C-alpha cells in the first residue's frame, strides 16, 4: 500500500475547482493529479490522472457524525456540542465514489472533508493508495 500526499496547486473560489497534484509522502515524486469540482459543499465531479490513466466520476457528500467525538472532547453540555446538535458550524462530510476510465477500469474512492481539506483512500483491483488534500 502506498501512502500519498495531495498538495493543492491552485484553488479557484468562484468556480469551486480544486486542482491538486498527487505526491509521494516524502514529496520527492509526483505520481499524478486530480481536479475536483464542487457544486456547493455536497456534490461535485472528480477527474483523477494516475499512471497514464484518467478516471472520472461524480461524488455526493453526506454529514459525518462527529457528535460522540465532540461530546467526549468538550462535554455534552458544552456550547460547541449544542451548536453541532443544532446544525450550525463547519461539519465533517464524507463521500464515496466510483471513478471510471473510458476503457471501463474503475477506482473506488472514499474521503472525508471539511472545507478544502480532505483525507481518503482509493482502490482498484491492482492499486490502493491513501491521500491527504490540503490547500
Protein backbone atom coordinates (compact mmCIF):
# COMPACT_ATOMS: atom_id res chain seq x y z
CA UNK A 1 0.00 0.00 0.00
CA UNK A 2 1.37 3.38 -0.97
CA UNK A 3 0.54 6.44 1.04
CA UNK A 4 0.12 9.59 -0.98
CA UNK A 5 0.06 13.20 -0.02
CA UNK A 6 -2.01 15.51 -2.21
CA UNK A 7 -0.81 19.10 -2.18
CA UNK A 8 -3.13 21.75 -3.58
CA UNK A 9 -1.72 23.55 -6.60
CA UNK A 10 -4.47 26.07 -7.07
CA UNK A 11 -7.92 26.94 -5.83
CA UNK A 12 -10.40 28.92 -7.85
CA UNK A 13 -13.02 30.02 -5.32
CA UNK A 14 -15.60 31.31 -7.75
CA UNK A 15 -15.76 28.12 -9.82
CA UNK A 16 -15.05 25.87 -6.80
CA UNK A 17 -12.37 23.99 -8.72
CA UNK A 18 -9.55 22.42 -6.74
CA UNK A 19 -6.54 21.25 -8.73
CA UNK A 20 -4.12 19.06 -6.81
CA UNK A 21 -1.08 17.00 -7.62
CA UNK A 22 -0.52 13.53 -6.22
CA UNK A 23 2.82 13.29 -4.48
CA UNK A 24 4.62 10.58 -2.57
CA UNK A 25 4.58 11.14 1.18
CA UNK A 26 8.20 12.32 1.16
CA UNK A 27 7.34 14.88 -1.55
CA UNK A 28 10.09 13.76 -3.93
CA UNK A 29 7.97 12.02 -6.56
CA UNK A 30 4.89 13.31 -8.39
CA UNK A 31 2.54 10.40 -9.04
CA UNK A 32 -0.43 12.11 -10.72
CA UNK A 33 -3.00 14.87 -10.32
CA UNK A 34 -6.67 15.41 -9.57
CA UNK A 35 -9.20 18.09 -10.41
CA UNK A 36 -12.13 18.27 -8.01
CA UNK A 37 -15.12 20.43 -8.89
CA UNK A 38 -17.57 21.27 -6.12
CA UNK A 39 -21.22 22.11 -6.59
CA UNK A 40 -21.78 23.64 -3.17
CA UNK A 41 -20.47 21.62 -0.24
CA UNK A 42 -22.40 18.47 -1.01
CA UNK A 43 -21.55 17.22 -4.52
CA UNK A 44 -19.27 17.57 -7.49
CA UNK A 45 -17.07 15.90 -10.07
CA UNK A 46 -13.60 14.38 -9.92
CA UNK A 47 -11.04 13.82 -12.66
CA UNK A 48 -8.01 11.88 -11.43
CA UNK A 49 -4.93 11.19 -13.58
CA UNK A 50 -2.67 8.39 -12.34
CA UNK A 51 -0.20 6.06 -14.07
CA UNK A 52 -1.24 7.33 -17.52
CA UNK A 53 -4.94 6.66 -16.90
CA UNK A 54 -7.72 9.22 -16.50
CA UNK A 55 -10.50 8.33 -14.06
CA UNK A 56 -13.59 10.49 -13.73
CA UNK A 57 -16.90 10.47 -11.91
CA UNK A 58 -19.19 12.33 -9.57
CA UNK A 59 -19.36 12.43 -5.79
CA UNK A 60 -22.05 13.23 -3.24
CA UNK A 61 -21.15 14.17 0.32
CA UNK A 62 -23.09 13.50 3.49
CA UNK A 63 -22.59 14.76 7.01
CA UNK A 64 -20.27 12.53 9.04
CA UNK A 65 -21.50 12.06 12.61
CA UNK A 66 -18.98 13.66 14.96
CA UNK A 67 -21.33 14.00 17.95
CA UNK A 68 -19.57 11.39 20.12
CA UNK A 69 -16.14 12.86 19.48
CA UNK A 70 -17.32 16.41 20.24
CA UNK A 71 -19.16 15.31 23.40
CA UNK A 72 -16.10 13.39 24.58
CA UNK A 73 -13.70 16.26 23.89
CA UNK A 74 -15.84 19.20 25.02
CA UNK A 75 -18.67 17.67 27.06
CA UNK A 76 -22.32 17.09 26.19
CA UNK A 77 -23.30 20.37 27.87
CA UNK A 78 -20.70 22.46 26.03
CA UNK A 79 -21.60 25.25 23.63
CA UNK A 80 -19.64 23.50 20.86
CA UNK A 81 -21.73 20.31 21.26
CA UNK A 82 -25.02 22.23 21.41
CA UNK A 83 -24.06 24.23 18.31
CA UNK A 84 -23.25 20.98 16.49
CA UNK A 85 -26.57 19.42 17.52
CA UNK A 86 -28.44 22.48 16.18
CA UNK A 87 -26.86 22.03 12.76
CA UNK A 88 -24.57 25.04 12.98
CA UNK A 89 -20.84 25.14 12.37
CA UNK A 90 -18.39 23.53 10.00
CA UNK A 91 -19.22 19.87 9.50
CA UNK A 92 -17.05 16.97 8.57
CA UNK A 93 -18.50 15.39 5.45
CA UNK A 94 -17.87 12.04 3.80
CA UNK A 95 -18.19 10.86 0.22
CA UNK A 96 -17.87 7.59 -1.67
CA UNK A 97 -17.48 7.44 -5.43
CA UNK A 98 -16.56 5.07 -8.24
CA UNK A 99 -14.32 6.69 -10.83
CA UNK A 100 -14.03 5.11 -14.27
CA UNK A 101 -11.74 5.33 -17.29
CA UNK A 102 -13.09 5.39 -20.86
CA UNK A 103 -11.88 1.77 -21.10
CA UNK A 104 -14.11 0.80 -18.14
CA UNK A 105 -11.43 0.43 -15.45
CA UNK A 106 -12.74 1.52 -12.05
CA UNK A 107 -11.26 3.13 -8.97
CA UNK A 108 -13.32 3.09 -5.74
CA UNK A 109 -12.63 6.15 -3.61
CA UNK A 110 -13.85 7.36 -0.26
CA UNK A 111 -12.87 10.50 1.56
CA UNK A 112 -13.80 12.78 4.43
CA UNK A 113 -13.52 16.53 4.02
CA UNK A 114 -14.10 19.84 5.77
CA UNK A 115 -13.80 22.93 3.60
CA UNK A 116 -10.97 22.33 1.12
CA UNK A 117 -9.07 19.77 3.22
CA UNK A 118 -9.69 16.05 2.69
CA UNK A 119 -8.37 12.65 3.72
CA UNK A 120 -9.23 9.43 1.92
CA UNK A 121 -8.29 6.32 0.02
CA UNK A 122 -8.79 4.87 -3.46
CA UNK A 123 -8.61 1.26 -4.56
CA UNK A 124 -8.79 -0.75 -7.77
CA UNK A 125 -8.09 -4.42 -8.44
CA UNK A 126 -4.37 -3.65 -8.76
CA UNK A 127 -3.79 -0.44 -6.81
CA UNK A 128 -4.52 1.07 -3.39
CA UNK A 129 -3.47 4.46 -2.07
CA UNK A 130 -4.37 6.84 0.73
CA UNK A 131 -4.24 10.61 0.36
CA UNK A 132 -4.47 13.98 2.07
CA UNK A 133 -5.65 17.08 0.23
CA UNK A 134 -4.80 20.46 1.71
CA UNK A 135 -5.00 23.98 0.40
